[in-house]
Amino acid sequence: MPEPARARADKQQQDLTRIRAERDDLRSQAQLLARIVQVLEIENHQLKEANTNLRGQVAAQGAVRDLTRRRRT
């Protein structure tokens, strides 16, 4: 194989190796991101349920003021 062709083939092989490594890294990052989103969705659902339960408890007590709403004076 002539020298320029060999150099080009070597360069292509290096590029292919680098690109495969980048692809694998991106795949790992995408899987991690998907897992993070999944966990956040579960936590969000749990917080919504807890909030609903707390609102129900507050409504059942009736006399408890909502301290998150301040009077305007």
PDB file of N, CA and C in Angstrom:
ATOM      1  N   MET A   1       0.858  -1.176   0.000  1.00  0.00           N
ATOM      2  CA  MET A   1       0.000   0.000   0.000  1.00  0.00           C
ATOM      3  C   MET A   1       0.902   1.237   0.000  1.00  0.00           C
ATOM      4  N   PRO A   2       0.610   2.190  -0.894  1.00  0.00           N
ATOM      5  CA  PRO A   2       1.421   3.417  -0.931  1.00  0.00           C
ATOM      6  C   PRO A   2       1.311   4.181   0.394  1.00  0.00           C
ATOM      7  N   GLU A   3       2.341   4.940   0.677  1.00  0.00           N
ATOM      8  CA  GLU A   3       2.424   5.666   1.954  1.00  0.00           C
ATOM      9  C   GLU A   3       1.254   6.627   2.185  1.00  0.00           C
ATOM     10  N   PRO A   4       0.863   7.466   1.210  1.00  0.00           N
ATOM     11  CA  PRO A   4      -0.278   8.369   1.453  1.00  0.00           C
ATOM     12  C   PRO A   4      -1.572   7.599   1.750  1.00  0.00           C
ATOM     13  N   ALA A   5      -1.780   6.496   1.067  1.00  0.00           N
ATOM     14  CA  ALA A   5      -2.988   5.699   1.296  1.00  0.00           C
ATOM     15  C   ALA A   5      -2.946   5.068   2.685  1.00  0.00           C
ATOM     16  N   ARG A   6      -1.777   4.602   3.098  1.00  0.00           N
ATOM     17  CA  ARG A   6      -1.622   4.008   4.433  1.00  0.00           C
ATOM     18  C   ARG A   6      -1.874   5.070   5.512  1.00  0.00           C
ATOM     19  N   ALA A   7      -1.334   6.268   5.303  1.00  0.00           N
ATOM     20  CA  ALA A   7      -1.527   7.351   6.270  1.00  0.00           C
ATOM     21  C   ALA A   7      -3.009   7.714   6.364  1.00  0.00           C
ATOM     22  N   ARG A   8      -3.674   7.758   5.205  1.00  0.00           N
ATOM     23  CA  ARG A   8      -5.097   8.080   5.190  1.00  0.00           C
ATOM     24  C   ARG A   8      -5.904   6.987   5.901  1.00  0.00           C
ATOM     25  N   ALA A   9      -5.558   5.739   5.669  1.00  0.00           N
ATOM     26  CA  ALA A   9      -6.245   4.624   6.323  1.00  0.00           C
ATOM     27  C   ALA A   9      -6.017   4.660   7.833  1.00  0.00           C
ATOM     28  N   ASP A  10      -4.790   4.968   8.244  1.00  0.00           N
ATOM     29  CA  ASP A  10      -4.491   5.076   9.678  1.00  0.00           C
ATOM     30  C   ASP A  10      -5.299   6.209  10.312  1.00  0.00           C
ATOM     31  N   LYS A  11      -5.370   7.335   9.610  1.00  0.00           N
ATOM     32  CA  LYS A  11      -6.127   8.484  10.115  1.00  0.00           C
ATOM     33  C   LYS A  11      -7.607   8.135  10.235  1.00  0.00           C
ATOM     34  N   GLN A  12      -8.133   7.447   9.225  1.00  0.00           N
ATOM     35  CA  GLN A  12      -9.539   7.049   9.263  1.00  0.00           C
ATOM     36  C   GLN A  12      -9.805   6.084  10.417  1.00  0.00           C
ATOM     37  N   GLN A  13      -8.865   5.174  10.666  1.00  0.00           N
ATOM     38  CA  GLN A  13      -9.022   4.230  11.767  1.00  0.00           C
ATOM     39  C   GLN A  13      -9.011   4.958  13.110  1.00  0.00           C
ATOM     40  N   GLN A  14      -8.121   5.941  13.241  1.00  0.00           N
ATOM     41  CA  GLN A  14      -8.076   6.738  14.472  1.00  0.00           C
ATOM     42  C   GLN A  14      -9.377   7.521  14.653  1.00  0.00           C
ATOM     43  N   ASP A  15      -9.850   8.110  13.561  1.00  0.00           N
ATOM     44  CA  ASP A  15     -11.108   8.861  13.621  1.00  0.00           C
ATOM     45  C   ASP A  15     -12.269   7.948  14.012  1.00  0.00           C
ATOM     46  N   LEU A  16     -12.299   6.752  13.417  1.00  0.00           N
ATOM     47  CA  LEU A  16     -13.359   5.802  13.722  1.00  0.00           C
ATOM     48  C   LEU A  16     -13.329   5.401  15.197  1.00  0.00           C
ATOM     49  N   THR A  17     -12.149   5.153  15.723  1.00  0.00           N
ATOM     50  CA  THR A  17     -12.000   4.796  17.135  1.00  0.00           C
ATOM     51  C   THR A  17     -12.468   5.937  18.028  1.00  0.00           C
ATOM     52  N   ARG A  18     -12.074   7.162  17.689  1.00  0.00           N
ATOM     53  CA  ARG A  18     -12.474   8.335  18.469  1.00  0.00           C
ATOM     54  C   ARG A  18     -13.986   8.536  18.423  1.00  0.00           C
ATOM     55  N   ILE A  19     -14.565   8.412  17.253  1.00  0.00           N
ATOM     56  CA  ILE A  19     -16.005   8.623  17.094  1.00  0.00           C
ATOM     57  C   ILE A  19     -16.795   7.551  17.838  1.00  0.00           C
ATOM     58  N   ARG A  20     -16.320   6.318  17.804  1.00  0.00           N
ATOM     59  CA  ARG A  20     -16.999   5.251  18.555  1.00  0.00           C
ATOM     60  C   ARG A  20     -16.950   5.523  20.055  1.00  0.00           C
ATOM     61  N   ALA A  21     -15.809   6.013  20.533  1.00  0.00           N
ATOM     62  CA  ALA A  21     -15.685   6.341  21.957  1.00  0.00           C
ATOM     63  C   ALA A  21     -16.641   7.479  22.317  1.00  0.00           C
ATOM     64  N   GLU A  22     -16.731   8.489  21.453  1.00  0.00           N
ATOM     65  CA  GLU A  22     -17.665   9.595  21.692  1.00  0.00           C
ATOM     66  C   GLU A  22     -19.109   9.099  21.695  1.00  0.00           C
ATOM     67  N   ARG A  23     -19.434   8.213  20.762  1.00  0.00           N
ATOM     68  CA  ARG A  23     -20.784   7.647  20.691  1.00  0.00           C
ATOM     69  C   ARG A  23     -21.121   6.890  21.974  1.00  0.00           C
ATOM     70  N   ASP A  24     -20.178   6.075  22.431  1.00  0.00           N
ATOM     71  CA  ASP A  24     -20.408   5.307  23.658  1.00  0.00           C
ATOM     72  C   ASP A  24     -20.590   6.233  24.857  1.00  0.00           C
ATOM     73  N   ASP A  25     -19.792   7.299  24.909  1.00  0.00           N
ATOM     74  CA  ASP A  25     -19.909   8.262  26.003  1.00  0.00           C
ATOM     75  C   ASP A  25     -21.264   8.967  25.956  1.00  0.00           C
ATOM     76  N   LEU A  26     -21.683   9.374  24.775  1.00  0.00           N
ATOM     77  CA  LEU A  26     -22.983  10.034  24.627  1.00  0.00           C
ATOM     78  C   LEU A  26     -24.127   9.088  24.982  1.00  0.00           C
ATOM     79  N   ARG A  27     -23.989   7.828  24.604  1.00  0.00           N
ATOM     80  CA  ARG A  27     -25.018   6.844  24.956  1.00  0.00           C
ATOM     81  C   ARG A  27     -25.128   6.720  26.473  1.00  0.00           C
ATOM     82  N   SER A  28     -23.984   6.652  27.148  1.00  0.00           N
ATOM     83  CA  SER A  28     -23.982   6.559  28.615  1.00  0.00           C
ATOM     84  C   SER A  28     -24.609   7.798  29.240  1.00  0.00           C
ATOM     85  N   GLN A  29     -24.268   8.965  28.712  1.00  0.00           N
ATOM     86  CA  GLN A  29     -24.834  10.208  29.237  1.00  0.00           C
ATOM     87  C   GLN A  29     -26.343  10.260  29.019  1.00  0.00           C
ATOM     88  N   ALA A  30     -26.802   9.801  27.859  1.00  0.00           N
ATOM     89  CA  ALA A  30     -28.238   9.798  27.565  1.00  0.00           C
ATOM     90  C   ALA A  30     -28.976   8.846  28.510  1.00  0.00           C
ATOM     91  N   GLN A  31     -28.380   7.685  28.790  1.00  0.00           N
ATOM     92  CA  GLN A  31     -29.004   6.741  29.718  1.00  0.00           C
ATOM     93  C   GLN A  31     -29.076   7.329  31.123  1.00  0.00           C
ATOM     94  N   LEU A  32     -28.004   7.993  31.537  1.00  0.00           N
ATOM     95  CA  LEU A  32     -27.987   8.624  32.859  1.00  0.00           C
ATOM     96  C   LEU A  32     -29.036   9.731  32.934  1.00  0.00           C
ATOM     97  N   LEU A  33     -29.122  10.540  31.899  1.00  0.00           N
ATOM     98  CA  LEU A  33     -30.114  11.616  31.870  1.00  0.00           C
ATOM     99  C   LEU A  33     -31.531  11.051  31.921  1.00  0.00           C
ATOM    100  N   ALA A  34     -31.776   9.973  31.191  1.00  0.00           N
ATOM    101  CA  ALA A  34     -33.099   9.348  31.218  1.00  0.00           C
ATOM    102  C   ALA A  34     -33.429   8.853  32.621  1.00  0.00           C
ATOM    103  N   ARG A  35     -32.457   8.289  33.310  1.00  0.00           N
ATOM    104  CA  ARG A  35     -32.680   7.812  34.684  1.00  0.00           C
ATOM    105  C   ARG A  35     -32.954   8.987  35.625  1.00  0.00           C
ATOM    106  N   ILE A  36     -32.224  10.074  35.454  1.00  0.00           N
ATOM    107  CA  ILE A  36     -32.443  11.264  36.288  1.00  0.00           C
ATOM    108  C   ILE A  36     -33.856  11.797  36.080  1.00  0.00           C
ATOM    109  N   VAL A  37     -34.285  11.876  34.833  1.00  0.00           N
ATOM    110  CA  VAL A  37     -35.640  12.358  34.529  1.00  0.00           C
ATOM    111  C   VAL A  37     -36.676  11.438  35.163  1.00  0.00           C
ATOM    112  N   GLN A  38     -36.440  10.136  35.075  1.00  0.00           N
ATOM    113  CA  GLN A  38     -37.366   9.171  35.664  1.00  0.00           C
ATOM    114  C   GLN A  38     -37.485   9.376  37.179  1.00  0.00           C
ATOM    115  N   VAL A  39     -36.358   9.544  37.847  1.00  0.00           N
ATOM    116  CA  VAL A  39     -36.365   9.760  39.299  1.00  0.00           C
ATOM    117  C   VAL A  39     -37.081  11.067  39.635  1.00  0.00           C
ATOM    118  N   LEU A  40     -36.809  12.121  38.870  1.00  0.00           N
ATOM    119  CA  LEU A  40     -37.473  13.402  39.123  1.00  0.00           C
ATOM    120  C   LEU A  40     -38.980  13.312  38.915  1.00  0.00           C
ATOM    121  N   GLU A  41     -39.409  12.551  37.921  1.00  0.00           N
ATOM    122  CA  GLU A  41     -40.846  12.377  37.702  1.00  0.00           C
ATOM    123  C   GLU A  41     -41.490  11.644  38.877  1.00  0.00           C
ATOM    124  N   ILE A  42     -40.810  10.630  39.399  1.00  0.00           N
ATOM    125  CA  ILE A  42     -41.326   9.897  40.559  1.00  0.00           C
ATOM    126  C   ILE A  42     -41.411  10.823  41.766  1.00  0.00           C
ATOM    127  N   GLU A  43     -40.352  11.586  42.008  1.00  0.00           N
ATOM    128  CA  GLU A  43     -40.347  12.519  43.140  1.00  0.00           C
ATOM    129  C   GLU A  43     -41.436  13.579  42.987  1.00  0.00           C
ATOM    130  N   ASN A  44     -41.627  14.079  41.782  1.00  0.00           N
ATOM    131  CA  ASN A  44     -42.670  15.074  41.535  1.00  0.00           C
ATOM    132  C   ASN A  44     -44.046  14.488  41.848  1.00  0.00           C
ATOM    133  N   HIS A  45     -44.270  13.270  41.415  1.00  0.00           N
ATOM    134  CA  HIS A  45     -45.548  12.605  41.691  1.00  0.00           C
ATOM    135  C   HIS A  45     -45.753  12.446  43.198  1.00  0.00           C
ATOM    136  N   GLN A  46     -44.700  12.038  43.906  1.00  0.00           N
ATOM    137  CA  GLN A  46     -44.801  11.866  45.359  1.00  0.00           C
ATOM    138  C   GLN A  46     -45.086  13.198  46.051  1.00  0.00           C
ATOM    139  N   LEU A  47     -44.441  14.257  45.593  1.00  0.00           N
ATOM    140  CA  LEU A  47     -44.688  15.575  46.182  1.00  0.00           C
ATOM    141  C   LEU A  47     -46.116  16.040  45.928  1.00  0.00           C
ATOM    142  N   LYS A  48     -46.624  15.786  44.742  1.00  0.00           N
ATOM    143  CA  LYS A  48     -48.007  16.160  44.441  1.00  0.00           C
ATOM    144  C   LYS A  48     -48.980  15.402  45.338  1.00  0.00           C
ATOM    145  N   GLU A  49     -48.706  14.104  45.537  1.00  0.00           N
ATOM    146  CA  GLU A  49     -49.569  13.317  46.424  1.00  0.00           C
ATOM    147  C   GLU A  49     -49.508  13.846  47.854  1.00  0.00           C
ATOM    148  N   ALA A  50     -48.305  14.137  48.332  1.00  0.00           N
ATOM    149  CA  ALA A  50     -48.146  14.658  49.692  1.00  0.00           C
ATOM    150  C   ALA A  50     -48.857  15.998  49.833  1.00  0.00           C
ATOM    151  N   ASN A  51     -48.741  16.845  48.829  1.00  0.00           N
ATOM    152  CA  ASN A  51     -49.405  18.151  48.849  1.00  0.00           C
ATOM    153  C   ASN A  51     -50.922  17.984  48.896  1.00  0.00           C
ATOM    154  N   THR A  52     -51.433  17.067  48.106  1.00  0.00           N
ATOM    155  CA  THR A  52     -52.875  16.801  48.105  1.00  0.00           C
ATOM    156  C   THR A  52     -53.328  16.306  49.474  1.00  0.00           C
ATOM    157  N   ASN A  53     -52.557  15.404  50.061  1.00  0.00           N
ATOM    158  CA  ASN A  53     -52.897  14.887  51.392  1.00  0.00           C
ATOM    159  C   ASN A  53     -52.874  15.993  52.436  1.00  0.00           C
ATOM    160  N   LEU A  54     -51.870  16.843  52.371  1.00  0.00           N
ATOM    161  CA  LEU A  54     -51.778  17.943  53.334  1.00  0.00           C
ATOM    162  C   LEU A  54     -52.938  18.917  53.181  1.00  0.00           C
ATOM    163  N   ARG A  55     -53.297  19.217  51.953  1.00  0.00           N
ATOM    164  CA  ARG A  55     -54.440  20.108  51.727  1.00  0.00           C
ATOM    165  C   ARG A  55     -55.724  19.488  52.289  1.00  0.00           C
ATOM    166  N   GLY A  56     -55.850  18.179  52.131  1.00  0.00           N
ATOM    167  CA  GLY A  56     -57.018  17.495  52.683  1.00  0.00           C
ATOM    168  C   GLY A  56     -57.046  17.575  54.195  1.00  0.00           C
ATOM    169  N   GLN A  57     -55.889  17.416  54.821  1.00  0.00           N
ATOM    170  CA  GLN A  57     -55.812  17.514  56.280  1.00  0.00           C
ATOM    171  C   GLN A  57     -56.150  18.924  56.748  1.00  0.00           C
ATOM    172  N   VAL A  58     -55.630  19.907  56.048  1.00  0.00           N
ATOM    173  CA  VAL A  58     -55.907  21.302  56.414  1.00  0.00           C
ATOM    174  C   VAL A  58     -57.390  21.598  56.242  1.00  0.00           C
ATOM    175  N   ALA A  59     -57.970  21.123  55.172  1.00  0.00           N
ATOM    176  CA  ALA A  59     -59.400  21.357  54.942  1.00  0.00           C
ATOM    177  C   ALA A  59     -60.236  20.675  56.020  1.00  0.00           C
ATOM    178  N   ALA A  60     -59.801  19.503  56.456  1.00  0.00           N
ATOM    179  CA  ALA A  60     -60.538  18.774  57.493  1.00  0.00           C
ATOM    180  C   ALA A  60     -60.481  19.513  58.828  1.00  0.00           C
ATOM    181  N   GLN A  61     -59.370  20.172  59.094  1.00  0.00           N
ATOM    182  CA  GLN A  61     -59.243  20.908  60.352  1.00  0.00           C
ATOM    183  C   GLN A  61     -60.038  22.205  60.310  1.00  0.00           C
ATOM    184  N   GLY A  62     -60.122  22.804  59.166  1.00  0.00           N
ATOM    185  CA  GLY A  62     -60.962  23.976  58.982  1.00  0.00           C
ATOM    186  C   GLY A  62     -60.471  25.253  59.622  1.00  0.00           C
ATOM    187  N   ALA A  63     -59.994  25.209  60.828  1.00  0.00           N
ATOM    188  CA  ALA A  63     -59.630  26.427  61.550  1.00  0.00           C
ATOM    189  C   ALA A  63     -58.189  26.851  61.304  1.00  0.00           C
ATOM    190  N   VAL A  64     -57.434  26.087  60.583  1.00  0.00           N
ATOM    191  CA  VAL A  64     -56.026  26.412  60.372  1.00  0.00           C
ATOM    192  C   VAL A  64     -55.912  27.436  59.250  1.00  0.00           C
ATOM    193  N   ARG A  65     -55.211  28.524  59.532  1.00  0.00           N
ATOM    194  CA  ARG A  65     -54.999  29.561  58.518  1.00  0.00           C
ATOM    195  C   ARG A  65     -53.933  29.119  57.532  1.00  0.00           C
ATOM    196  N   ASP A  66     -54.101  29.544  56.324  1.00  0.00           N
ATOM    197  CA  ASP A  66     -53.091  29.291  55.303  1.00  0.00           C
ATOM    198  C   ASP A  66     -52.032  30.370  55.431  1.00  0.00           C
ATOM    199  N   LEU A  67     -50.897  30.010  55.986  1.00  0.00           N
ATOM    200  CA  LEU A  67     -49.846  30.996  56.241  1.00  0.00           C
ATOM    201  C   LEU A  67     -49.097  31.407  54.977  1.00  0.00           C
ATOM    202  N   THR A  68     -49.345  30.693  53.900  1.00  0.00           N
ATOM    203  CA  THR A  68     -48.669  31.068  52.658  1.00  0.00           C
ATOM    204  C   THR A  68     -49.308  32.284  52.013  1.00  0.00           C
ATOM    205  N   ARG A  69     -50.513  32.603  52.418  1.00  0.00           N
ATOM    206  CA  ARG A  69     -51.201  33.780  51.879  1.00  0.00           C
ATOM    207  C   ARG A  69     -51.185  34.870  52.934  1.00  0.00           C
ATOM    208  N   ARG A  70     -50.475  35.910  52.656  1.00  0.00           N
ATOM    209  CA  ARG A  70     -50.346  37.009  53.621  1.00  0.00           C
ATOM    210  C   ARG A  70     -51.425  38.051  53.365  1.00  0.00           C
ATOM    211  N   ARG A  71     -51.831  38.670  54.454  1.00  0.00           N
ATOM    212  CA  ARG A  71     -52.786  39.773  54.333  1.00  0.00           C
ATOM    213  C   ARG A  71     -52.094  40.984  53.760  1.00  0.00           C
ATOM    214  N   ARG A  72     -52.791  41.662  52.922  1.00  0.00           N
ATOM    215  CA  ARG A  72     -52.252  42.920  52.400  1.00  0.00           C
ATOM    216  C   ARG A  72     -52.775  44.048  53.260  1.00  0.00           C
ATOM    217  N   THR A  73     -51.867  44.837  53.789  1.00  0.00           N
ATOM    218  CA  THR A  73     -52.279  45.951  54.654  1.00  0.00           C
ATOM    219  C   THR A  73     -51.949  47.272  54.029  1.00  0.00           C
TER     220      THR A  73
END
